[in-house]
């Protein structure tokens, strides 16, 4: 039966086949340094004979695979089918879900944001709603990530959430909301226009949707005839190389962007190029110690070609390239050996050489394995070294227990008052706390203390002091946030200074 993992096999093959070694049948008689495969079988027999709790062949083989792949570098790993499915959802940027972001607040999981045109929006869920159960089971004690995994599922299936509405003061007043999961696309790109003539674009990762959303951001920036761009790659762990390359082609002049150098003689080295005849933007790239992999490919191409300058701290230094390879089960290995007369464990060899798509139950798992490294346009390998920025600047400090880079501007959609909850309240609390106003640790609730702090802020700004986050107050808080950014995020402040030079 060809279901989810078989679909992933085809999709990943299309995206990454050029990175994979070609089919190389392996003879069972091959033995490096006299190694006898019967040795492994004997070890397995001992375990099954003496291990008190018992062990199956499948368990032992999976353990062997985890051990072998885990003994390599830090980036090579073996995934079970379930782990592989989760990994593909993460890097693919799509999953079956309801379309919300969540945060744990006290004993609740609170909805922070509802994405447009999603099951959550259609069901009337709003920012500030509290989730207390999923499919009738309490989620008390679970964190937001654990709850998100429970809520996710196959598109078209139902999930029932126990919700305490945002304006509800009685936590026992729970309503059950049934939602039908749909495919949700993760947008890793955010942008805004700063100071009237600077386009700020933050890319959180390079999933399969990155370029789509980046292009939309750039289109809006171009509509405003903006030629100065701050590209924020801080804490971007990387992802798909092709997505980073497509972004690079808007900034890197004609010539090489990166070269992928593979170990296997069966894999062709790849060179990615830009055909940009003339630079359009003045670019400053923000980087830090967590800027890695594909994000370093983009940053290095901009640095090497002098298309822009880097500001921040030394980057992570991950120059290795990973390929995803599905591994056949012992049963499938024996079956295709009998049919084809060759020894194959890489399921891609079946697809590449014989046009055969194995079923899900014929794949024991996947390995994400290091198969090569990338080089910068100047031929540099930055593994374990990283990129040295033009302007070194330390990471933003935590001010009054708040990370200023975690703040989002207030949206000016609703006007929260006393006892209101939601993302705008949350960000208002963060801004006020950093600025020294007397508020408790941000929790999304506009309680009495936050209410009084807003009144004081309004009075300080010459506004009517009545404690409601009206649109004028929200704009004043957004303006204060920009001032605080320049004061406490020195990396961003240097980027603004250099781009305006």
Protein backbone atom coordinates (compact mmCIF):
# COMPACT_ATOMS: atom_id res chain seq x y z
CA UNK A 1 0.00 0.00 0.00
CA UNK A 2 1.51 3.32 -1.06
CA UNK A 3 0.52 5.94 1.48
CA UNK A 4 2.19 8.89 3.16
CA UNK A 5 5.83 7.83 3.25
CA UNK A 6 5.74 6.60 -0.33
CA UNK A 7 4.47 10.03 -1.36
CA UNK A 8 7.31 11.62 0.58
CA UNK A 9 9.74 9.28 -1.17
CA UNK A 10 8.63 10.57 -4.57
CA UNK A 11 8.57 14.23 -3.50
CA UNK A 12 11.99 14.10 -1.85
CA UNK A 13 13.36 12.19 -4.83
CA UNK A 14 12.20 14.95 -7.19
CA UNK A 15 13.72 17.65 -4.97
CA UNK A 16 16.92 15.87 -4.00
CA UNK A 17 17.60 13.17 -6.59
CA UNK A 18 20.49 15.12 -8.00
CA UNK A 19 22.10 15.00 -4.55
CA UNK A 20 21.76 11.25 -4.20
CA UNK A 21 24.27 8.57 -5.21
CA UNK A 22 23.24 6.63 -8.28
CA UNK A 23 22.15 3.03 -7.96
CA UNK A 24 25.08 0.79 -7.09
CA UNK A 25 24.10 -2.85 -6.51
CA UNK A 26 26.06 -4.32 -3.61
CA UNK A 27 27.20 -7.91 -3.70
CA UNK A 28 26.38 -9.97 -0.63
CA UNK A 29 29.76 -11.58 -1.00
CA UNK A 30 31.55 -8.28 -0.51
CA UNK A 31 33.35 -8.17 2.80
CA UNK A 32 35.62 -5.33 3.77
CA UNK A 33 38.66 -6.47 5.75
CA UNK A 34 37.19 -9.95 6.03
CA UNK A 35 34.05 -8.79 7.84
CA UNK A 36 31.44 -11.57 8.02
CA UNK A 37 27.77 -10.53 8.10
CA UNK A 38 26.99 -13.71 10.02
CA UNK A 39 28.70 -12.00 12.93
CA UNK A 40 25.77 -9.56 13.12
CA UNK A 41 23.26 -12.40 12.96
CA UNK A 42 25.09 -14.16 15.81
CA UNK A 43 24.95 -11.00 17.95
CA UNK A 44 21.22 -10.72 17.30
CA UNK A 45 20.73 -14.38 18.26
CA UNK A 46 22.55 -13.84 21.56
CA UNK A 47 20.34 -10.86 22.42
CA UNK A 48 17.13 -12.73 21.63
CA UNK A 49 18.29 -15.73 23.63
CA UNK A 50 19.42 -14.02 26.85
CA UNK A 51 17.67 -10.61 26.98
CA UNK A 52 14.99 -10.93 29.66
CA UNK A 53 12.34 -8.65 28.10
CA UNK A 54 12.71 -10.12 24.63
CA UNK A 55 13.55 -8.43 21.33
CA UNK A 56 12.35 -8.76 17.75
CA UNK A 57 14.45 -8.69 14.60
CA UNK A 58 12.86 -5.36 13.62
CA UNK A 59 13.81 -3.80 16.97
CA UNK A 60 17.39 -5.02 16.72
CA UNK A 61 17.83 -3.95 13.12
CA UNK A 62 16.45 -0.48 13.87
CA UNK A 63 18.82 -0.25 16.85
CA UNK A 64 21.71 -1.31 14.65
CA UNK A 65 20.83 1.34 12.05
CA UNK A 66 20.50 4.05 14.70
CA UNK A 67 23.89 3.05 16.09
CA UNK A 68 25.67 3.00 12.72
CA UNK A 69 24.32 6.30 11.46
CA UNK A 70 24.61 7.87 14.91
CA UNK A 71 28.31 7.02 15.05
CA UNK A 72 29.08 9.43 12.21
CA UNK A 73 29.00 13.24 12.38
CA UNK A 74 26.49 15.26 14.38
CA UNK A 75 24.24 15.76 11.35
CA UNK A 76 23.81 12.14 10.28
CA UNK A 77 20.85 10.40 11.89
CA UNK A 78 18.41 7.53 11.38
CA UNK A 79 14.66 8.24 11.48
CA UNK A 80 11.89 5.75 12.08
CA UNK A 81 8.95 6.14 9.63
CA UNK A 82 7.07 8.21 12.23
CA UNK A 83 10.07 10.44 12.90
CA UNK A 84 10.67 10.81 9.16
CA UNK A 85 7.08 11.93 8.60
CA UNK A 86 7.47 14.61 11.28
CA UNK A 87 10.79 15.72 9.79
CA UNK A 88 9.28 16.04 6.31
CA UNK A 89 6.44 18.14 7.68
CA UNK A 90 8.90 20.49 9.37
CA UNK A 91 11.28 21.02 6.45
CA UNK A 92 8.47 20.89 3.91
CA UNK A 93 6.63 23.70 5.65
CA UNK A 94 3.26 21.97 5.27
CA UNK A 95 1.26 19.78 7.61
CA UNK A 96 -2.28 18.76 8.43
CA UNK A 97 -3.48 21.11 11.15
CA UNK A 98 -5.84 23.91 12.14
CA UNK A 99 -3.69 27.03 11.59
CA UNK A 100 -2.75 28.53 14.95
CA UNK A 101 0.39 29.35 16.87
CA UNK A 102 0.27 28.66 20.61
CA UNK A 103 2.07 29.46 23.83
CA UNK A 104 1.88 27.93 27.29
CA UNK A 105 0.48 30.41 29.82
CA UNK A 106 0.15 29.11 33.38
CA UNK A 107 -1.68 25.76 33.05
CA UNK A 108 -3.27 26.62 29.73
CA UNK A 109 -2.21 26.52 26.13
CA UNK A 110 -3.20 29.90 24.74
CA UNK A 111 -3.77 30.74 21.10
CA UNK A 112 -1.28 33.45 20.14
CA UNK A 113 -2.15 33.86 16.48
CA UNK A 114 -4.79 32.55 14.09
CA UNK A 115 -3.67 32.33 10.47
CA UNK A 116 -6.09 33.49 7.76
CA UNK A 117 -8.21 31.06 5.72
CA UNK A 118 -7.54 28.16 8.09
CA UNK A 119 -9.88 25.80 9.99
CA UNK A 120 -9.25 27.76 13.19
CA UNK A 121 -10.36 31.05 11.65
CA UNK A 122 -13.41 29.40 10.07
CA UNK A 123 -14.37 27.93 13.47
CA UNK A 124 -14.22 31.34 15.17
CA UNK A 125 -11.12 30.69 17.27
CA UNK A 126 -9.37 33.96 18.11
CA UNK A 127 -6.14 35.10 19.71
CA UNK A 128 -6.41 34.72 23.48
CA UNK A 129 -8.60 31.61 23.44
CA UNK A 130 -7.37 28.92 25.83
CA UNK A 131 -7.15 25.25 24.84
CA UNK A 132 -7.80 22.92 27.77
CA UNK A 133 -8.43 19.58 26.04
CA UNK A 134 -7.94 17.79 22.73
CA UNK A 135 -10.37 15.05 21.70
CA UNK A 136 -11.78 14.98 25.22
CA UNK A 137 -8.41 14.48 26.92
CA UNK A 138 -6.96 17.08 29.27
CA UNK A 139 -3.70 18.67 28.11
CA UNK A 140 -2.74 19.93 31.56
CA UNK A 141 1.01 19.62 32.08
CA UNK A 142 1.84 19.50 28.37
CA UNK A 143 3.82 22.21 26.62
CA UNK A 144 2.77 23.97 23.41
CA UNK A 145 4.91 21.76 21.18
CA UNK A 146 3.41 18.58 22.61
CA UNK A 147 -0.12 19.91 22.14
CA UNK A 148 0.66 20.98 18.58
CA UNK A 149 1.71 17.41 17.74
CA UNK A 150 -1.58 16.07 19.11
CA UNK A 151 -3.64 18.60 17.15
CA UNK A 152 -1.85 17.90 13.88
CA UNK A 153 -3.11 15.04 11.78
CA UNK A 154 -4.24 13.83 8.39
CA UNK A 155 -6.03 16.52 6.33
CA UNK A 156 -9.76 15.84 6.23
CA UNK A 157 -9.89 14.32 9.72
CA UNK A 158 -11.58 15.92 12.71
CA UNK A 159 -10.13 17.18 15.97
CA UNK A 160 -12.20 18.41 18.93
CA UNK A 161 -10.76 21.20 21.06
CA UNK A 162 -12.00 22.15 24.51
CA UNK A 163 -11.86 25.96 24.48
CA UNK A 164 -12.23 28.66 27.13
CA UNK A 165 -12.97 31.80 25.13
CA UNK A 166 -10.68 34.80 25.44
CA UNK A 167 -13.22 37.02 27.24
CA UNK A 168 -14.47 34.23 29.52
CA UNK A 169 -13.59 34.83 33.19
CA UNK A 170 -14.83 31.46 34.45
CA UNK A 171 -12.25 28.77 33.48
CA UNK A 172 -14.86 26.02 33.89
CA UNK A 173 -16.95 27.37 31.02
CA UNK A 174 -15.48 25.15 28.34
CA UNK A 175 -16.98 24.82 24.87
CA UNK A 176 -16.11 22.00 22.48
CA UNK A 177 -15.18 23.08 18.96
CA UNK A 178 -14.87 20.51 16.16
CA UNK A 179 -12.44 21.40 13.39
CA UNK A 180 -11.59 19.57 10.18
CA UNK A 181 -7.85 19.58 9.60
CA UNK A 182 -6.51 21.06 6.38
CA UNK A 183 -3.07 21.49 4.84
CA UNK A 184 -1.44 24.44 6.61
CA UNK A 185 1.51 26.19 5.00
CA UNK A 186 4.17 27.62 7.31
CA UNK A 187 5.34 31.10 6.36
CA UNK A 188 8.94 31.59 7.61
CA UNK A 189 9.22 35.13 6.20
CA UNK A 190 8.17 38.41 7.82
CA UNK A 191 8.81 41.90 6.58
CA UNK A 192 8.06 45.56 7.16
CA UNK A 193 9.13 48.98 5.98
CA UNK A 194 11.18 50.85 8.54
CA UNK A 195 11.97 54.56 8.69
CA UNK A 196 10.17 55.03 5.39
CA UNK A 197 12.95 53.76 3.13
CA UNK A 198 14.37 50.53 4.60
CA UNK A 199 12.95 47.13 3.76
CA UNK A 200 13.42 44.71 6.66
CA UNK A 201 13.02 41.02 5.78
CA UNK A 202 13.44 38.25 8.36
CA UNK A 203 13.78 34.65 7.16
CA UNK A 204 13.41 32.13 9.98
CA UNK A 205 14.22 29.02 7.92
CA UNK A 206 14.45 27.76 4.36
CA UNK A 207 11.48 25.43 4.09
CA UNK A 208 9.75 24.65 0.81
CA UNK A 209 7.61 27.82 1.10
CA UNK A 210 10.40 30.31 1.80
CA UNK A 211 10.94 31.68 -1.68
CA UNK A 212 7.20 32.01 -2.34
CA UNK A 213 6.75 34.25 0.70
CA UNK A 214 10.07 36.02 0.19
CA UNK A 215 9.00 36.98 -3.33
CA UNK A 216 5.76 38.43 -1.94
CA UNK A 217 7.73 40.48 0.60
CA UNK A 218 10.12 41.75 -2.06
CA UNK A 219 7.21 42.69 -4.33
CA UNK A 220 5.76 44.92 -1.60
CA UNK A 221 9.16 46.47 -0.97
CA UNK A 222 9.59 47.16 -4.69
CA UNK A 223 6.13 48.76 -4.87
CA UNK A 224 7.42 51.34 -2.39
CA UNK A 225 10.55 51.90 -4.51
CA UNK A 226 12.84 50.87 -1.63
CA UNK A 227 16.47 50.14 -2.45
CA UNK A 228 17.86 49.49 1.04
CA UNK A 229 17.27 46.05 2.58
CA UNK A 230 18.18 44.60 5.96
CA UNK A 231 18.07 40.80 5.61
CA UNK A 232 17.79 39.16 9.03
CA UNK A 233 19.16 35.59 9.06
CA UNK A 234 19.77 35.42 12.81
CA UNK A 235 18.80 32.05 14.34
CA UNK A 236 18.06 30.65 10.86
CA UNK A 237 19.17 26.98 10.99
CA UNK A 238 19.02 26.49 7.21
CA UNK A 239 16.95 24.06 5.17
CA UNK A 240 16.60 23.53 1.44
CA UNK A 241 19.59 24.74 -0.62
CA UNK A 242 17.45 25.57 -3.66
CA UNK A 243 15.32 27.97 -1.61
CA UNK A 244 18.38 29.84 -0.36
CA UNK A 245 19.79 29.97 -3.89
CA UNK A 246 16.57 31.46 -5.30
CA UNK A 247 16.69 34.20 -2.67
CA UNK A 248 20.39 34.79 -3.40
CA UNK A 249 19.66 35.42 -7.08
CA UNK A 250 17.97 38.71 -6.12
CA UNK A 251 21.12 40.00 -4.40
CA UNK A 252 24.20 38.23 -5.78
CA UNK A 253 25.72 39.53 -9.05
CA UNK A 254 26.17 37.36 -12.12
CA UNK A 255 28.39 34.39 -11.32
CA UNK A 256 28.74 31.50 -8.88
CA UNK A 257 26.54 31.38 -5.77
CA UNK A 258 27.76 28.08 -4.34
CA UNK A 259 29.21 24.73 -5.34
CA UNK A 260 28.04 21.43 -3.85
CA UNK A 261 30.92 18.96 -3.72
CA UNK A 262 29.87 15.32 -3.17
CA UNK A 263 31.96 12.35 -2.05
CA UNK A 264 30.24 9.68 -4.15
CA UNK A 265 31.49 9.27 -7.70
CA UNK A 266 27.90 8.46 -8.60
CA UNK A 267 26.77 11.98 -7.66
CA UNK A 268 27.46 14.94 -9.91
CA UNK A 269 28.83 18.05 -8.22
CA UNK A 270 26.44 20.98 -8.59
CA UNK A 271 27.17 24.65 -9.19
CA UNK A 272 24.46 27.26 -8.68
CA UNK A 273 24.73 30.57 -10.51
CA UNK A 274 23.13 34.00 -10.53
CA UNK A 275 22.41 35.85 -13.76
CA UNK A 276 21.80 39.22 -12.07
CA UNK A 277 23.38 41.82 -14.37
CA UNK A 278 23.13 44.78 -12.02
CA UNK A 279 22.76 45.05 -8.25
CA UNK A 280 19.42 46.58 -7.32
CA UNK A 281 19.66 46.89 -3.54
CA UNK A 282 22.03 48.06 -0.86
CA UNK A 283 22.07 45.08 1.53
CA UNK A 284 23.06 44.49 5.14
CA UNK A 285 22.71 40.92 6.44
CA UNK A 286 22.20 40.21 10.15
CA UNK A 287 23.82 36.96 11.34
CA UNK A 288 24.66 35.27 14.63
CA UNK A 289 26.04 32.02 16.02
CA UNK A 290 22.84 30.19 15.03
CA UNK A 291 22.95 31.25 11.38
CA UNK A 292 23.75 27.92 9.76
CA UNK A 293 23.77 25.74 6.66
CA UNK A 294 21.61 27.12 3.83
CA UNK A 295 21.43 30.52 5.50
CA UNK A 296 25.25 30.57 5.51
CA UNK A 297 25.22 29.75 1.78
CA UNK A 298 23.16 32.90 1.19
CA UNK A 299 25.20 35.06 3.58
CA UNK A 300 28.53 33.79 2.18
CA UNK A 301 27.48 34.48 -1.41
CA UNK A 302 26.55 38.05 -0.51
CA UNK A 303 29.81 38.49 1.42
CA UNK A 304 32.14 36.93 -1.17
CA UNK A 305 30.68 38.88 -4.07
CA UNK A 306 30.61 42.15 -2.08
CA UNK A 307 26.90 42.43 -2.76
CA UNK A 308 26.38 43.43 0.86
CA UNK A 309 27.94 43.34 4.30
CA UNK A 310 27.39 41.09 7.31
CA UNK A 311 26.67 42.41 10.80
CA UNK A 312 26.46 40.41 14.03
CA UNK A 313 28.48 37.52 15.41
CA UNK A 314 30.43 34.70 13.79
CA UNK A 315 28.08 32.19 12.15
CA UNK A 316 27.70 28.51 13.03
CA UNK A 317 30.00 27.01 10.39
CA UNK A 318 27.95 24.15 8.94
CA UNK A 319 29.23 23.47 5.44
CA UNK A 320 28.08 19.86 5.21
CA UNK A 321 25.28 18.74 2.92
CA UNK A 322 22.79 16.06 3.93
CA UNK A 323 20.79 13.78 1.66
CA UNK A 324 17.71 11.81 2.70
CA UNK A 325 17.81 8.11 1.85
CA UNK A 326 14.98 5.62 2.55
CA UNK A 327 16.16 2.20 3.79
CA UNK A 328 14.36 -1.00 2.80
CA UNK A 329 13.28 -3.57 5.39
CA UNK A 330 15.09 -6.94 5.42
CA UNK A 331 11.95 -8.50 3.91
CA UNK A 332 11.89 -5.98 1.04
CA UNK A 333 15.64 -6.43 0.55
CA UNK A 334 15.16 -10.21 0.12
CA UNK A 335 12.10 -9.77 -2.07
CA UNK A 336 13.73 -7.44 -4.58
CA UNK A 337 16.91 -9.51 -4.55
CA UNK A 338 14.84 -12.50 -5.67
CA UNK A 339 12.99 -10.44 -8.31
CA UNK A 340 15.86 -8.35 -9.67
CA UNK A 341 18.93 -10.39 -8.83
CA UNK A 342 20.68 -7.45 -7.12
CA UNK A 343 21.27 -6.42 -3.51
CA UNK A 344 19.54 -3.11 -2.77
CA UNK A 345 18.89 -1.40 0.55
CA UNK A 346 18.49 2.19 -0.73
CA UNK A 347 14.86 2.53 -1.84
CA UNK A 348 15.90 5.27 -4.26
CA UNK A 349 17.91 2.69 -6.22
CA UNK A 350 14.64 0.88 -6.89
CA UNK A 351 13.04 4.10 -8.12
CA UNK A 352 16.10 5.42 -9.96
CA UNK A 353 17.15 2.24 -11.76
CA UNK A 354 14.01 0.12 -11.92
CA UNK A 355 11.06 2.51 -11.65
CA UNK A 356 9.73 0.64 -8.60
CA UNK A 357 8.09 2.58 -5.75
CA UNK A 358 8.22 0.52 -2.54
CA UNK A 359 5.23 0.59 -0.21
CA UNK A 360 5.36 2.16 3.26
CA UNK A 361 5.71 -1.22 4.99
CA UNK A 362 8.80 -1.95 2.86
CA UNK A 363 10.67 1.05 4.30
CA UNK A 364 12.19 0.50 7.74
CA UNK A 365 13.21 4.14 8.06
CA UNK A 366 15.21 6.99 6.56
CA UNK A 367 18.71 8.30 7.07
CA UNK A 368 19.68 11.93 6.83
CA UNK A 369 23.32 11.42 5.94
CA UNK A 370 26.18 13.78 5.17
CA UNK A 371 27.10 13.30 1.51
CA UNK A 372 29.24 16.34 0.73
CA UNK A 373 29.96 19.96 1.49
CA UNK A 374 29.31 23.33 -0.09
CA UNK A 375 31.88 25.92 -1.09
CA UNK A 376 31.41 29.69 -1.24
CA UNK A 377 31.90 31.68 -4.48
CA UNK A 378 35.56 32.21 -3.51
CA UNK A 379 36.01 28.48 -2.92
CA UNK A 380 35.97 28.71 0.87
CA UNK A 381 34.88 25.82 3.07
CA UNK A 382 33.48 27.36 6.25
CA UNK A 383 32.95 24.14 8.20
CA UNK A 384 33.56 24.63 11.94
CA UNK A 385 34.73 28.18 11.16
CA UNK A 386 31.68 30.09 9.99
CA UNK A 387 31.54 33.55 8.50
CA UNK A 388 33.20 36.54 10.12
CA UNK A 389 30.94 39.60 9.85
CA UNK A 390 32.18 42.95 8.57
CA UNK A 391 30.87 44.54 11.76
CA UNK A 392 31.01 42.36 14.87
CA UNK A 393 28.26 43.21 17.32
CA UNK A 394 27.10 41.25 20.35
CA UNK A 395 23.68 39.63 20.54
CA UNK A 396 20.83 41.58 22.17
CA UNK A 397 20.72 41.22 25.93
CA UNK A 398 17.65 40.10 27.85
CA UNK A 399 16.12 43.26 29.37
CA UNK A 400 13.90 42.81 32.44
CA UNK A 401 13.49 39.12 31.52
CA UNK A 402 12.28 39.96 27.99
CA UNK A 403 14.00 39.15 24.69
CA UNK A 404 13.44 42.22 22.52
CA UNK A 405 13.79 40.19 19.32
CA UNK A 406 10.72 38.14 20.32
CA UNK A 407 8.40 41.17 20.16
CA UNK A 408 5.95 41.71 17.32
CA UNK A 409 4.40 45.06 16.58
CA UNK A 410 0.83 45.56 17.78
CA UNK A 411 -1.64 44.91 14.97
CA UNK A 412 -4.21 47.68 15.58
CA UNK A 413 -7.15 45.38 14.86
CA UNK A 414 -8.90 45.27 18.25
CA UNK A 415 -8.87 47.57 21.29
CA UNK A 416 -8.16 45.38 24.33
CA UNK A 417 -9.32 46.63 27.73
CA UNK A 418 -9.24 45.38 31.30
CA UNK A 419 -9.21 41.54 31.50
CA UNK A 420 -8.74 41.20 27.74
CA UNK A 421 -6.28 38.62 26.46
CA UNK A 422 -4.40 38.19 23.23
CA UNK A 423 -1.21 38.67 21.27
CA UNK A 424 -1.40 42.47 21.27
CA UNK A 425 -1.69 42.49 25.06
CA UNK A 426 1.29 40.13 25.21
CA UNK A 427 3.50 42.35 23.06
CA UNK A 428 2.33 45.51 24.83
CA UNK A 429 3.36 43.95 28.15
CA UNK A 430 6.80 43.11 26.73
CA UNK A 431 7.36 46.64 25.43
CA UNK A 432 6.20 48.22 28.68
CA UNK A 433 8.33 45.88 30.79
CA UNK A 434 11.50 46.58 28.77
CA UNK A 435 10.77 50.30 29.04
CA UNK A 436 10.64 49.99 32.84
CA UNK A 437 6.90 50.18 33.49
CA UNK A 438 5.55 48.13 36.40
CA UNK A 439 4.02 45.04 34.80
CA UNK A 440 4.32 41.40 35.77
CA UNK A 441 5.96 38.89 33.44
CA UNK A 442 4.04 39.02 30.13
CA UNK A 443 1.14 36.55 30.13
CA UNK A 444 -1.35 37.89 27.53
CA UNK A 445 -3.77 39.06 30.23
CA UNK A 446 -4.50 42.77 30.59
CA UNK A 447 -4.84 42.59 34.37
CA UNK A 448 -5.08 45.46 36.86
CA UNK A 449 -1.31 45.95 36.97
CA UNK A 450 -0.98 46.10 33.18
CA UNK A 451 -4.06 48.35 33.04
CA UNK A 452 -2.38 50.85 35.39
CA UNK A 453 0.91 50.63 33.44
CA UNK A 454 -0.92 51.47 30.20
CA UNK A 455 -2.58 54.44 31.89
CA UNK A 456 0.81 55.70 33.04
CA UNK A 457 2.27 55.21 29.55
CA UNK A 458 -0.67 57.07 28.00
CA UNK A 459 -0.20 59.91 30.46
CA UNK A 460 3.55 60.05 29.70
CA UNK A 461 2.79 60.32 25.97
CA UNK A 462 0.11 62.98 26.40
CA UNK A 463 -2.71 60.57 25.56
CA UNK A 464 -6.00 60.12 27.39
CA UNK A 465 -5.07 57.84 30.33
CA UNK A 466 -7.85 55.26 30.49
CA UNK A 467 -5.95 51.97 30.24
CA UNK A 468 -7.42 50.74 26.93
CA UNK A 469 -5.09 49.69 24.13
CA UNK A 470 -6.75 51.86 21.51
CA UNK A 471 -5.14 52.27 18.10
CA UNK A 472 -3.37 55.51 19.02
CA UNK A 473 -1.85 53.86 22.09
CA UNK A 474 -0.85 50.82 20.07
CA UNK A 475 0.92 53.05 17.54
CA UNK A 476 2.70 54.88 20.38
CA UNK A 477 3.86 51.52 21.75
CA UNK A 478 5.06 50.49 18.29
CA UNK A 479 7.05 53.74 18.06
CA UNK A 480 8.52 53.05 21.50
CA UNK A 481 9.43 49.53 20.37
CA UNK A 482 11.43 50.96 17.45
CA UNK A 483 13.30 53.23 19.87
CA UNK A 484 14.02 50.29 22.16
CA UNK A 485 15.26 48.20 19.21
CA UNK A 486 17.85 50.83 18.31
CA UNK A 487 18.90 51.01 21.96
CA UNK A 488 19.04 47.33 22.93
CA UNK A 489 19.46 45.43 19.63
CA UNK A 490 22.87 46.78 18.69
CA UNK A 491 23.15 44.44 15.71
CA UNK A 492 20.01 45.93 14.20
CA UNK A 493 21.15 49.43 15.16
CA UNK A 494 24.45 48.93 13.33
CA UNK A 495 22.60 47.60 10.29
CA UNK A 496 20.45 50.73 10.17
CA UNK A 497 23.48 52.97 10.59
CA UNK A 498 25.50 51.21 7.87
CA UNK A 499 22.66 51.01 5.37
CA UNK A 500 22.01 54.72 5.76
CA UNK A 501 25.69 55.58 5.34
